[in-house]
Amino acid sequence: MIVYIASYPRSGNSWIQRIIYSQFRRLSSSVYPIKNYPPANINDWNVRIQPKAPKPLSLKVILNPKLWKKDLIWNESIAFYNDPERRLIYRFIMPGCLEFMTEENRKRLSEEKEIFFIKTHELPYRKYFEGERVIQPIRNPGASIWSYYNLIEATKKPKEKQTSLTEVIKGNVRFGSWSDYHERWLPVASQLGNRYLKIYFEWLKDDQDEACKKIRSITGLKYLKRKFETFEELQKLNPIAKREGKAFGWEKNFSNEQLRLLYDCHGEIMKKLNYPEPTYRLENLENSQGGRG
């Protein structure tokens, strides 16, 4: 089975991955390369590439017999990892697997009983196989775009041209427009039915337990019901750029003109996803408390 954690940037993808790590004891990969992988905080999980199939007897000892198949894929994208608490070993797809995820490879991996979690910000595939699932974190476009803008600013290279908040609102960035992204995903969500799970960032902050129950339902994994991490604790683990983690109050970072542009660009999809029109300030505070170009 493949479970895609598919979201527009800065919509709660990292938080879902962390929940899967802490409450279900599984690692998540990414279609994008990750520098110096694995990070120090999962060194004890012993992630190691397995480019060739182990000897059959060894493979049966390493893997749960229920997961063993003769035609498993083995190459530089395939790895093993250990759960240090439960002494279990799982197959894993290494980060940077965008090109590896061909239709043929997806089909074969989706037929495995192993569960592969993969982060992606890409648009949906043309079709999905029976063994593929999607968990989709969704966040108010204002909050998501503001956070995305800060990420771009924090990670830009020296002498790289600055990207304005207005350009991010319009979708003139790597992953495009918030509404274009969700417009492409809406029909896929309907097609997938119970193999699709939508998780709103706004209620994830208040009810992680309910999110875990839904993840358990779509994956079949055991929910361990451990102490939940707060957004602030998550931020300490991955402090890149500015993460406020707020469901409301993001409007203060936009000028009234930018708020109107936001609704002009994304209002139709906001309505479909049950997000209200932004709250405009009574005074037009040009370039004050917001309005970043």
C-alpha atoms as a PDB file:
ATOM      1  CA  MET A   1       0.000   0.000   0.000  1.00  0.00           C
ATOM      2  CA  ILE A   2       1.118   3.553  -0.747  1.00  0.00           C
ATOM      3  CA  VAL A   3      -0.255   6.429   1.342  1.00  0.00           C
ATOM      4  CA  TYR A   4       0.447   9.855  -0.145  1.00  0.00           C
ATOM      5  CA  ILE A   5       0.484  12.776   2.284  1.00  0.00           C
ATOM      6  CA  ALA A   6      -0.491  15.256  -0.401  1.00  0.00           C
ATOM      7  CA  SER A   7      -0.826  18.958   0.312  1.00  0.00           C
ATOM      8  CA  TYR A   8      -0.211  22.455  -0.911  1.00  0.00           C
ATOM      9  CA  PRO A   9       2.952  23.728   0.866  1.00  0.00           C
ATOM     10  CA  ARG A  10       2.611  24.816   4.492  1.00  0.00           C
ATOM     11  CA  SER A  11      -0.738  23.161   5.067  1.00  0.00           C
ATOM     12  CA  GLY A  12       0.199  20.721   7.844  1.00  0.00           C
ATOM     13  CA  ASN A  13       2.078  18.018   5.917  1.00  0.00           C
ATOM     14  CA  SER A  14       4.956  17.890   8.434  1.00  0.00           C
ATOM     15  CA  TRP A  15       2.505  17.669  11.308  1.00  0.00           C
ATOM     16  CA  ILE A  16       0.748  14.667   9.756  1.00  0.00           C
ATOM     17  CA  GLN A  17       4.122  12.992   9.197  1.00  0.00           C
ATOM     18  CA  ARG A  18       5.010  13.571  12.844  1.00  0.00           C
ATOM     19  CA  ILE A  19       1.696  12.061  13.985  1.00  0.00           C
ATOM     20  CA  ILE A  20       2.360   8.995  11.835  1.00  0.00           C
ATOM     21  CA  TYR A  21       5.833   8.747  13.398  1.00  0.00           C
ATOM     22  CA  SER A  22       4.735   9.110  17.022  1.00  0.00           C
ATOM     23  CA  GLN A  23       1.286   7.489  17.038  1.00  0.00           C
ATOM     24  CA  PHE A  24       1.777   4.752  14.410  1.00  0.00           C
ATOM     25  CA  ARG A  25       5.581   4.263  14.533  1.00  0.00           C
ATOM     26  CA  ARG A  26       6.209   4.609  10.812  1.00  0.00           C
ATOM     27  CA  LEU A  27       8.583   6.819   8.861  1.00  0.00           C
ATOM     28  CA  SER A  28       7.418   8.980   5.973  1.00  0.00           C
ATOM     29  CA  SER A  29       9.440   9.564   2.831  1.00  0.00           C
ATOM     30  CA  SER A  30       9.204  12.393   0.291  1.00  0.00           C
ATOM     31  CA  VAL A  31       9.176  12.646  -3.474  1.00  0.00           C
ATOM     32  CA  TYR A  32      11.733  15.451  -2.983  1.00  0.00           C
ATOM     33  CA  PRO A  33      15.395  14.964  -2.024  1.00  0.00           C
ATOM     34  CA  ILE A  34      16.286  15.573   1.629  1.00  0.00           C
ATOM     35  CA  LYS A  35      19.841  16.672   2.423  1.00  0.00           C
ATOM     36  CA  ASN A  36      21.852  14.531   4.831  1.00  0.00           C
ATOM     37  CA  TYR A  37      19.142  11.894   5.130  1.00  0.00           C
ATOM     38  CA  PRO A  38      18.434  10.327   7.568  1.00  0.00           C
ATOM     39  CA  PRO A  39      18.428  13.198  10.096  1.00  0.00           C
ATOM     40  CA  ALA A  40      20.038  12.724  13.495  1.00  0.00           C
ATOM     41  CA  ASN A  41      16.712  12.358  15.313  1.00  0.00           C
ATOM     42  CA  ILE A  42      16.011   9.010  13.582  1.00  0.00           C
ATOM     43  CA  ASN A  43      19.546   7.573  13.622  1.00  0.00           C
ATOM     44  CA  ASP A  44      18.380   4.736  15.856  1.00  0.00           C
ATOM     45  CA  TRP A  45      15.894   3.664  13.147  1.00  0.00           C
ATOM     46  CA  ASN A  46      18.858   2.433  11.077  1.00  0.00           C
ATOM     47  CA  VAL A  47      17.621   3.474   7.629  1.00  0.00           C
ATOM     48  CA  ARG A  48      19.789   1.695   5.020  1.00  0.00           C
ATOM     49  CA  ILE A  49      19.467   1.324   1.270  1.00  0.00           C
ATOM     50  CA  GLN A  50      18.839  -2.219   0.017  1.00  0.00           C
ATOM     51  CA  PRO A  51      19.556  -2.127  -3.748  1.00  0.00           C
ATOM     52  CA  LYS A  52      19.566  -5.918  -4.184  1.00  0.00           C
ATOM     53  CA  ALA A  53      17.265  -8.589  -2.873  1.00  0.00           C
ATOM     54  CA  PRO A  54      18.628 -10.422   0.181  1.00  0.00           C
ATOM     55  CA  LYS A  55      18.866 -14.172  -0.045  1.00  0.00           C
ATOM     56  CA  PRO A  56      15.380 -15.691   0.188  1.00  0.00           C
ATOM     57  CA  LEU A  57      15.939 -17.229   3.611  1.00  0.00           C
ATOM     58  CA  SER A  58      17.408 -13.980   4.940  1.00  0.00           C
ATOM     59  CA  LEU A  59      14.517 -11.980   3.507  1.00  0.00           C
ATOM     60  CA  LYS A  60      11.958 -14.154   5.267  1.00  0.00           C
ATOM     61  CA  VAL A  61      13.799 -13.645   8.555  1.00  0.00           C
ATOM     62  CA  ILE A  62      14.161  -9.884   8.053  1.00  0.00           C
ATOM     63  CA  LEU A  63      10.617  -9.157   6.948  1.00  0.00           C
ATOM     64  CA  ASN A  64       7.339 -10.160   8.482  1.00  0.00           C
ATOM     65  CA  PRO A  65       6.341 -13.329   6.533  1.00  0.00           C
ATOM     66  CA  LYS A  66       2.944 -11.737   5.858  1.00  0.00           C
ATOM     67  CA  LEU A  67       4.735  -9.000   3.887  1.00  0.00           C
ATOM     68  CA  TRP A  68       7.012 -11.250   1.854  1.00  0.00           C
ATOM     69  CA  LYS A  69       6.564 -11.558  -1.909  1.00  0.00           C
ATOM     70  CA  LYS A  70       8.828 -13.000  -4.569  1.00  0.00           C
ATOM     71  CA  ASP A  71       8.595 -10.023  -6.917  1.00  0.00           C
ATOM     72  CA  LEU A  72       9.451  -7.161  -4.534  1.00  0.00           C
ATOM     73  CA  ILE A  73      11.222  -4.166  -6.093  1.00  0.00           C
ATOM     74  CA  TRP A  74      14.900  -3.786  -5.162  1.00  0.00           C
ATOM     75  CA  ASN A  75      17.007  -0.819  -6.314  1.00  0.00           C
ATOM     76  CA  GLU A  76      18.699   2.350  -5.016  1.00  0.00           C
ATOM     77  CA  SER A  77      15.325   3.800  -4.018  1.00  0.00           C
ATOM     78  CA  ILE A  78      14.464   0.922  -1.687  1.00  0.00           C
ATOM     79  CA  ALA A  79      15.628   0.729   1.916  1.00  0.00           C
ATOM     80  CA  PHE A  80      14.946  -0.982   5.235  1.00  0.00           C
ATOM     81  CA  TYR A  81      14.393   0.665   8.597  1.00  0.00           C
ATOM     82  CA  ASN A  82      13.964  -0.648  12.127  1.00  0.00           C
ATOM     83  CA  ASP A  83      11.479   0.484  14.762  1.00  0.00           C
ATOM     84  CA  PRO A  84      13.875   0.660  17.735  1.00  0.00           C
ATOM     85  CA  GLU A  85      11.055   0.298  20.255  1.00  0.00           C
ATOM     86  CA  ARG A  86       9.276  -2.704  18.803  1.00  0.00           C
ATOM     87  CA  ARG A  87      12.142  -4.400  16.956  1.00  0.00           C
ATOM     88  CA  LEU A  88      10.200  -4.482  13.730  1.00  0.00           C
ATOM     89  CA  ILE A  89      11.731  -4.015  10.268  1.00  0.00           C
ATOM     90  CA  TYR A  90       9.973  -2.318   7.366  1.00  0.00           C
ATOM     91  CA  ARG A  91      10.641  -1.610   3.724  1.00  0.00           C
ATOM     92  CA  PHE A  92      10.983   2.070   2.809  1.00  0.00           C
ATOM     93  CA  ILE A  93      11.219   4.280  -0.276  1.00  0.00           C
ATOM     94  CA  MET A  94      14.111   6.732  -0.017  1.00  0.00           C
ATOM     95  CA  PRO A  95      13.428  10.498  -0.344  1.00  0.00           C
ATOM     96  CA  GLY A  96      13.859  11.983  -3.810  1.00  0.00           C
ATOM     97  CA  CYS A  97      11.702   9.284  -5.409  1.00  0.00           C
ATOM     98  CA  LEU A  98       9.673  11.462  -7.809  1.00  0.00           C
ATOM     99  CA  GLU A  99      11.116   9.849 -10.962  1.00  0.00           C
ATOM    100  CA  PHE A 100      11.099   6.389  -9.369  1.00  0.00           C
ATOM    101  CA  MET A 101       7.333   6.580  -8.862  1.00  0.00           C
ATOM    102  CA  THR A 102       6.415   5.469 -12.365  1.00  0.00           C
ATOM    103  CA  GLU A 103       3.018   3.967 -13.018  1.00  0.00           C
ATOM    104  CA  GLU A 104       4.553   0.466 -13.109  1.00  0.00           C
ATOM    105  CA  ASN A 105       6.451   0.916  -9.825  1.00  0.00           C
ATOM    106  CA  ARG A 106       3.442   2.500  -8.142  1.00  0.00           C
ATOM    107  CA  LYS A 107       1.289  -0.455  -9.140  1.00  0.00           C
ATOM    108  CA  ARG A 108       3.769  -2.981  -7.754  1.00  0.00           C
ATOM    109  CA  LEU A 109       4.321  -1.076  -4.516  1.00  0.00           C
ATOM    110  CA  SER A 110       0.590  -0.526  -4.032  1.00  0.00           C
ATOM    111  CA  GLU A 111       0.077  -4.300  -4.179  1.00  0.00           C
ATOM    112  CA  GLU A 112       2.450  -4.907  -1.259  1.00  0.00           C
ATOM    113  CA  LYS A 113       1.094  -5.347   2.246  1.00  0.00           C
ATOM    114  CA  GLU A 114       3.855  -3.047   3.454  1.00  0.00           C
ATOM    115  CA  ILE A 115       2.661   0.554   3.889  1.00  0.00           C
ATOM    116  CA  PHE A 116       4.757   3.310   2.300  1.00  0.00           C
ATOM    117  CA  PHE A 117       4.049   6.878   3.442  1.00  0.00           C
ATOM    118  CA  ILE A 118       5.200   9.536   0.958  1.00  0.00           C
ATOM    119  CA  LYS A 119       5.021  13.325   1.189  1.00  0.00           C
ATOM    120  CA  THR A 120       4.161  15.230  -1.987  1.00  0.00           C
ATOM    121  CA  HIS A 121       3.084  18.700  -3.124  1.00  0.00           C
ATOM    122  CA  GLU A 122       2.533  17.508  -6.690  1.00  0.00           C
ATOM    123  CA  LEU A 123      -0.737  17.534  -8.592  1.00  0.00           C
ATOM    124  CA  PRO A 124      -2.670  14.237  -8.603  1.00  0.00           C
ATOM    125  CA  TYR A 125      -1.878  11.307 -10.865  1.00  0.00           C
ATOM    126  CA  ARG A 126      -4.110  10.568 -13.834  1.00  0.00           C
ATOM    127  CA  LYS A 127      -5.345   7.418 -12.081  1.00  0.00           C
ATOM    128  CA  TYR A 128      -4.844   5.647  -8.769  1.00  0.00           C
ATOM    129  CA  PHE A 129      -4.519   1.941  -8.043  1.00  0.00           C
ATOM    130  CA  GLU A 130      -6.616   0.071  -5.526  1.00  0.00           C
ATOM    131  CA  GLY A 131      -3.712  -0.071  -3.061  1.00  0.00           C
ATOM    132  CA  GLU A 132      -3.094   3.694  -3.085  1.00  0.00           C
ATOM    133  CA  ARG A 133      -4.477   6.060  -0.456  1.00  0.00           C
ATOM    134  CA  VAL A 134      -4.318   9.836   0.024  1.00  0.00           C
ATOM    135  CA  ILE A 135      -4.201  11.821   3.254  1.00  0.00           C
ATOM    136  CA  GLN A 136      -4.642  15.500   2.379  1.00  0.00           C
ATOM    137  CA  PRO A 137      -4.005  18.251   4.942  1.00  0.00           C
ATOM    138  CA  ILE A 138      -5.865  21.446   3.942  1.00  0.00           C
ATOM    139  CA  ARG A 139      -5.362  24.934   5.352  1.00  0.00           C
ATOM    140  CA  ASN A 140      -6.929  28.353   4.835  1.00  0.00           C
ATOM    141  CA  PRO A 141      -5.146  29.868   1.807  1.00  0.00           C
ATOM    142  CA  GLY A 142      -4.283  33.065   3.690  1.00  0.00           C
ATOM    143  CA  ALA A 143      -2.449  31.212   6.458  1.00  0.00           C
ATOM    144  CA  SER A 144      -0.886  28.735   4.037  1.00  0.00           C
ATOM    145  CA  ILE A 145       0.291  31.423   1.598  1.00  0.00           C
ATOM    146  CA  TRP A 146       1.715  33.597   4.381  1.00  0.00           C
ATOM    147  CA  SER A 147       3.703  30.647   5.726  1.00  0.00           C
ATOM    148  CA  TYR A 148       4.817  29.649   2.205  1.00  0.00           C
ATOM    149  CA  TYR A 149       6.003  33.210   1.574  1.00  0.00           C
ATOM    150  CA  ASN A 150       8.115  33.070   4.758  1.00  0.00           C
ATOM    151  CA  LEU A 151       9.569  29.704   3.774  1.00  0.00           C
ATOM    152  CA  ILE A 152      10.621  31.084   0.378  1.00  0.00           C
ATOM    153  CA  GLU A 153      12.252  34.060   2.073  1.00  0.00           C
ATOM    154  CA  ALA A 154      14.062  31.896   4.627  1.00  0.00           C
ATOM    155  CA  THR A 155      15.452  29.440   2.069  1.00  0.00           C
ATOM    156  CA  LYS A 156      16.312  31.688  -0.876  1.00  0.00           C
ATOM    157  CA  LYS A 157      19.927  31.665  -2.044  1.00  0.00           C
ATOM    158  CA  PRO A 158      22.217  34.709  -1.833  1.00  0.00           C
ATOM    159  CA  LYS A 159      21.481  37.274  -4.573  1.00  0.00           C
ATOM    160  CA  GLU A 160      18.333  35.375  -5.530  1.00  0.00           C
ATOM    161  CA  LYS A 161      15.479  37.666  -6.518  1.00  0.00           C
ATOM    162  CA  GLN A 162      13.001  38.339  -3.724  1.00  0.00           C
ATOM    163  CA  THR A 163       9.511  36.901  -4.130  1.00  0.00           C
ATOM    164  CA  SER A 164       6.713  39.200  -2.987  1.00  0.00           C
ATOM    165  CA  LEU A 165       3.695  38.093  -1.000  1.00  0.00           C
ATOM    166  CA  THR A 166       1.542  39.261  -3.924  1.00  0.00           C
ATOM    167  CA  GLU A 167       3.347  36.825  -6.254  1.00  0.00           C
ATOM    168  CA  VAL A 168       2.682  33.953  -3.855  1.00  0.00           C
ATOM    169  CA  ILE A 169      -0.994  34.911  -3.691  1.00  0.00           C
ATOM    170  CA  LYS A 170      -1.152  34.838  -7.499  1.00  0.00           C
ATOM    171  CA  GLY A 171       0.576  31.461  -7.594  1.00  0.00           C
ATOM    172  CA  ASN A 172       3.719  32.626  -9.396  1.00  0.00           C
ATOM    173  CA  VAL A 173       5.866  30.223  -7.352  1.00  0.00           C
ATOM    174  CA  ARG A 174       7.227  26.690  -7.684  1.00  0.00           C
ATOM    175  CA  PHE A 175       4.072  24.839  -6.640  1.00  0.00           C
ATOM    176  CA  GLY A 176       1.668  27.248  -8.309  1.00  0.00           C
ATOM    177  CA  SER A 177      -1.654  28.558  -7.078  1.00  0.00           C
ATOM    178  CA  TRP A 178      -3.428  27.354  -3.939  1.00  0.00           C
ATOM    179  CA  SER A 179      -6.789  27.227  -5.720  1.00  0.00           C
ATOM    180  CA  ASP A 180      -5.426  25.601  -8.894  1.00  0.00           C
ATOM    181  CA  TYR A 181      -3.881  22.900  -6.722  1.00  0.00           C
ATOM    182  CA  HIS A 182      -7.111  22.147  -4.859  1.00  0.00           C
ATOM    183  CA  GLU A 183      -9.264  22.452  -7.964  1.00  0.00           C
ATOM    184  CA  ARG A 184      -7.252  19.599  -9.506  1.00  0.00           C
ATOM    185  CA  TRP A 185      -7.587  17.507  -6.361  1.00  0.00           C
ATOM    186  CA  LEU A 186     -11.329  17.935  -5.729  1.00  0.00           C
ATOM    187  CA  PRO A 187     -12.541  15.433  -8.389  1.00  0.00           C
ATOM    188  CA  VAL A 188      -9.831  12.947  -7.378  1.00  0.00           C
ATOM    189  CA  ALA A 189     -11.064  13.046  -3.790  1.00  0.00           C
ATOM    190  CA  SER A 190     -14.509  12.026  -5.024  1.00  0.00           C
ATOM    191  CA  GLN A 191     -13.094   9.241  -7.197  1.00  0.00           C
ATOM    192  CA  LEU A 192     -11.037   7.759  -4.357  1.00  0.00           C
ATOM    193  CA  GLY A 193     -13.969   7.645  -1.956  1.00  0.00           C
ATOM    194  CA  ASN A 194     -12.958   5.991   1.334  1.00  0.00           C
ATOM    195  CA  ARG A 195      -9.348   5.831   0.144  1.00  0.00           C
ATOM    196  CA  TYR A 196      -9.127   9.611   0.534  1.00  0.00           C
ATOM    197  CA  LEU A 197      -8.863  11.432   3.885  1.00  0.00           C
ATOM    198  CA  LYS A 198      -9.149  15.211   4.197  1.00  0.00           C
ATOM    199  CA  ILE A 199      -7.730  16.733   7.385  1.00  0.00           C
ATOM    200  CA  TYR A 200      -8.256  20.427   8.036  1.00  0.00           C
ATOM    201  CA  PHE A 201      -5.275  22.093   9.702  1.00  0.00           C
ATOM    202  CA  GLU A 202      -7.673  24.232  11.715  1.00  0.00           C
ATOM    203  CA  TRP A 203      -9.211  21.304  13.567  1.00  0.00           C
ATOM    204  CA  LEU A 204      -6.020  19.261  13.688  1.00  0.00           C
ATOM    205  CA  LYS A 205      -4.735  21.729  16.283  1.00  0.00           C
ATOM    206  CA  ASP A 206      -7.704  21.004  18.529  1.00  0.00           C
ATOM    207  CA  ASP A 207      -8.378  17.323  17.914  1.00  0.00           C
ATOM    208  CA  GLN A 208      -5.347  15.193  17.020  1.00  0.00           C
ATOM    209  CA  ASP A 209      -7.103  12.168  18.495  1.00  0.00           C
ATOM    210  CA  GLU A 210      -9.864  12.344  15.881  1.00  0.00           C
ATOM    211  CA  ALA A 211      -7.242  12.729  13.130  1.00  0.00           C
ATOM    212  CA  CYS A 212      -5.473   9.607  14.403  1.00  0.00           C
ATOM    213  CA  LYS A 213      -8.707   7.624  14.386  1.00  0.00           C
ATOM    214  CA  LYS A 214      -9.275   8.611  10.766  1.00  0.00           C
ATOM    215  CA  ILE A 215      -5.672   7.692   9.853  1.00  0.00           C
ATOM    216  CA  ARG A 216      -6.164   4.329  11.565  1.00  0.00           C
ATOM    217  CA  SER A 217      -9.297   3.771   9.507  1.00  0.00           C
ATOM    218  CA  ILE A 218      -7.654   4.521   6.147  1.00  0.00           C
ATOM    219  CA  THR A 219      -4.427   2.583   6.832  1.00  0.00           C
ATOM    220  CA  GLY A 220      -5.446  -0.243   9.165  1.00  0.00           C
ATOM    221  CA  LEU A 221      -2.464   0.517  11.421  1.00  0.00           C
ATOM    222  CA  LYS A 222      -2.607   0.294  15.202  1.00  0.00           C
ATOM    223  CA  TYR A 223      -3.104   3.672  16.895  1.00  0.00           C
ATOM    224  CA  LEU A 224      -0.807   3.740  19.952  1.00  0.00           C
ATOM    225  CA  LYS A 225      -2.571   6.643  21.735  1.00  0.00           C
ATOM    226  CA  ARG A 226       0.548   8.336  23.064  1.00  0.00           C
ATOM    227  CA  LYS A 227       0.887  11.859  24.422  1.00  0.00           C
ATOM    228  CA  PHE A 228       0.355  14.356  21.611  1.00  0.00           C
ATOM    229  CA  GLU A 229       2.988  16.873  20.610  1.00  0.00           C
ATOM    230  CA  THR A 230       1.949  20.516  20.483  1.00  0.00           C
ATOM    231  CA  PHE A 231       2.525  22.710  17.453  1.00  0.00           C
ATOM    232  CA  GLU A 232       5.250  24.503  19.451  1.00  0.00           C
ATOM    233  CA  GLU A 233       7.071  21.215  20.084  1.00  0.00           C
ATOM    234  CA  LEU A 234       6.829  20.389  16.384  1.00  0.00           C
ATOM    235  CA  GLN A 235       8.273  23.798  15.533  1.00  0.00           C
ATOM    236  CA  LYS A 236      11.335  23.115  17.704  1.00  0.00           C
ATOM    237  CA  LEU A 237      11.991  19.917  15.748  1.00  0.00           C
ATOM    238  CA  ASN A 238      11.837  21.731  12.410  1.00  0.00           C
ATOM    239  CA  PRO A 239      12.290  25.490  12.912  1.00  0.00           C
ATOM    240  CA  ILE A 240      12.872  26.414   9.242  1.00  0.00           C
ATOM    241  CA  ALA A 241      11.150  29.688   8.383  1.00  0.00           C
ATOM    242  CA  LYS A 242       8.299  31.245  10.281  1.00  0.00           C
ATOM    243  CA  ARG A 243       5.567  28.895  11.509  1.00  0.00           C
ATOM    244  CA  GLU A 244       2.857  30.569  13.534  1.00  0.00           C
ATOM    245  CA  GLY A 245       0.517  27.595  13.573  1.00  0.00           C
ATOM    246  CA  LYS A 246      -2.471  29.910  13.897  1.00  0.00           C
ATOM    247  CA  ALA A 247      -5.846  29.125  12.402  1.00  0.00           C
ATOM    248  CA  PHE A 248      -6.955  32.763  12.606  1.00  0.00           C
ATOM    249  CA  GLY A 249      -5.391  36.210  12.697  1.00  0.00           C
ATOM    250  CA  TRP A 250      -3.218  35.763   9.613  1.00  0.00           C
ATOM    251  CA  GLU A 251      -4.990  38.700   7.930  1.00  0.00           C
ATOM    252  CA  LYS A 252      -2.808  41.171   9.844  1.00  0.00           C
ATOM    253  CA  ASN A 253       0.107  40.210   7.571  1.00  0.00           C
ATOM    254  CA  PHE A 254      -1.744  41.303   4.410  1.00  0.00           C
ATOM    255  CA  SER A 255      -2.772  44.740   3.192  1.00  0.00           C
ATOM    256  CA  ASN A 256      -6.469  45.169   2.388  1.00  0.00           C
ATOM    257  CA  GLU A 257      -5.527  45.167  -1.284  1.00  0.00           C
ATOM    258  CA  GLN A 258      -3.786  41.809  -0.864  1.00  0.00           C
ATOM    259  CA  LEU A 259      -6.747  40.406   1.065  1.00  0.00           C
ATOM    260  CA  ARG A 260      -9.048  41.363  -1.812  1.00  0.00           C
ATOM    261  CA  LEU A 261      -6.612  39.834  -4.294  1.00  0.00           C
ATOM    262  CA  LEU A 262      -6.540  36.660  -2.200  1.00  0.00           C
ATOM    263  CA  TYR A 263     -10.316  36.342  -2.385  1.00  0.00           C
ATOM    264  CA  ASP A 264     -10.435  37.262  -6.079  1.00  0.00           C
ATOM    265  CA  CYS A 265      -7.900  34.519  -6.859  1.00  0.00           C
ATOM    266  CA  HIS A 266      -9.108  31.811  -4.492  1.00  0.00           C
ATOM    267  CA  GLY A 267     -12.635  32.686  -3.358  1.00  0.00           C
ATOM    268  CA  GLU A 268     -14.411  30.077  -5.474  1.00  0.00           C
ATOM    269  CA  ILE A 269     -12.367  27.178  -4.083  1.00  0.00           C
ATOM    270  CA  MET A 270     -12.433  28.674  -0.578  1.00  0.00           C
ATOM    271  CA  LYS A 271     -16.230  28.407  -0.666  1.00  0.00           C
ATOM    272  CA  LYS A 272     -16.061  24.783  -1.819  1.00  0.00           C
ATOM    273  CA  LEU A 273     -13.709  23.996   1.075  1.00  0.00           C
ATOM    274  CA  ASN A 274     -15.834  25.982   3.563  1.00  0.00           C
ATOM    275  CA  TYR A 275     -13.426  28.876   4.123  1.00  0.00           C
ATOM    276  CA  PRO A 276     -14.976  32.348   4.610  1.00  0.00           C
ATOM    277  CA  GLU A 277     -14.036  35.587   2.912  1.00  0.00           C
ATOM    278  CA  PRO A 278     -11.118  37.325   4.699  1.00  0.00           C
ATOM    279  CA  THR A 279     -11.790  39.904   7.389  1.00  0.00           C
ATOM    280  CA  TYR A 280     -10.742  43.315   6.063  1.00  0.00           C
ATOM    281  CA  ARG A 281      -9.376  46.026   8.314  1.00  0.00           C
ATOM    282  CA  LEU A 282     -11.499  49.116   8.766  1.00  0.00           C
ATOM    283  CA  GLU A 283      -8.542  51.335   7.981  1.00  0.00           C
ATOM    284  CA  ASN A 284      -6.489  50.776   4.873  1.00  0.00           C
ATOM    285  CA  LEU A 285      -3.098  50.525   6.573  1.00  0.00           C
ATOM    286  CA  GLU A 286      -0.871  50.606   3.495  1.00  0.00           C
ATOM    287  CA  ASN A 287       2.352  48.729   4.175  1.00  0.00           C
ATOM    288  CA  SER A 288       1.624  48.679   7.908  1.00  0.00           C
ATOM    289  CA  GLN A 289       1.587  45.327   9.718  1.00  0.00           C
ATOM    290  CA  GLY A 290       1.728  43.620   6.377  1.00  0.00           C
ATOM    291  CA  GLY A 291       1.490  44.275   2.698  1.00  0.00           C
ATOM    292  CA  ARG A 292       4.798  42.689   1.699  1.00  0.00           C
ATOM    293  CA  GLY A 293       4.892  43.830  -1.902  1.00  0.00           C
END
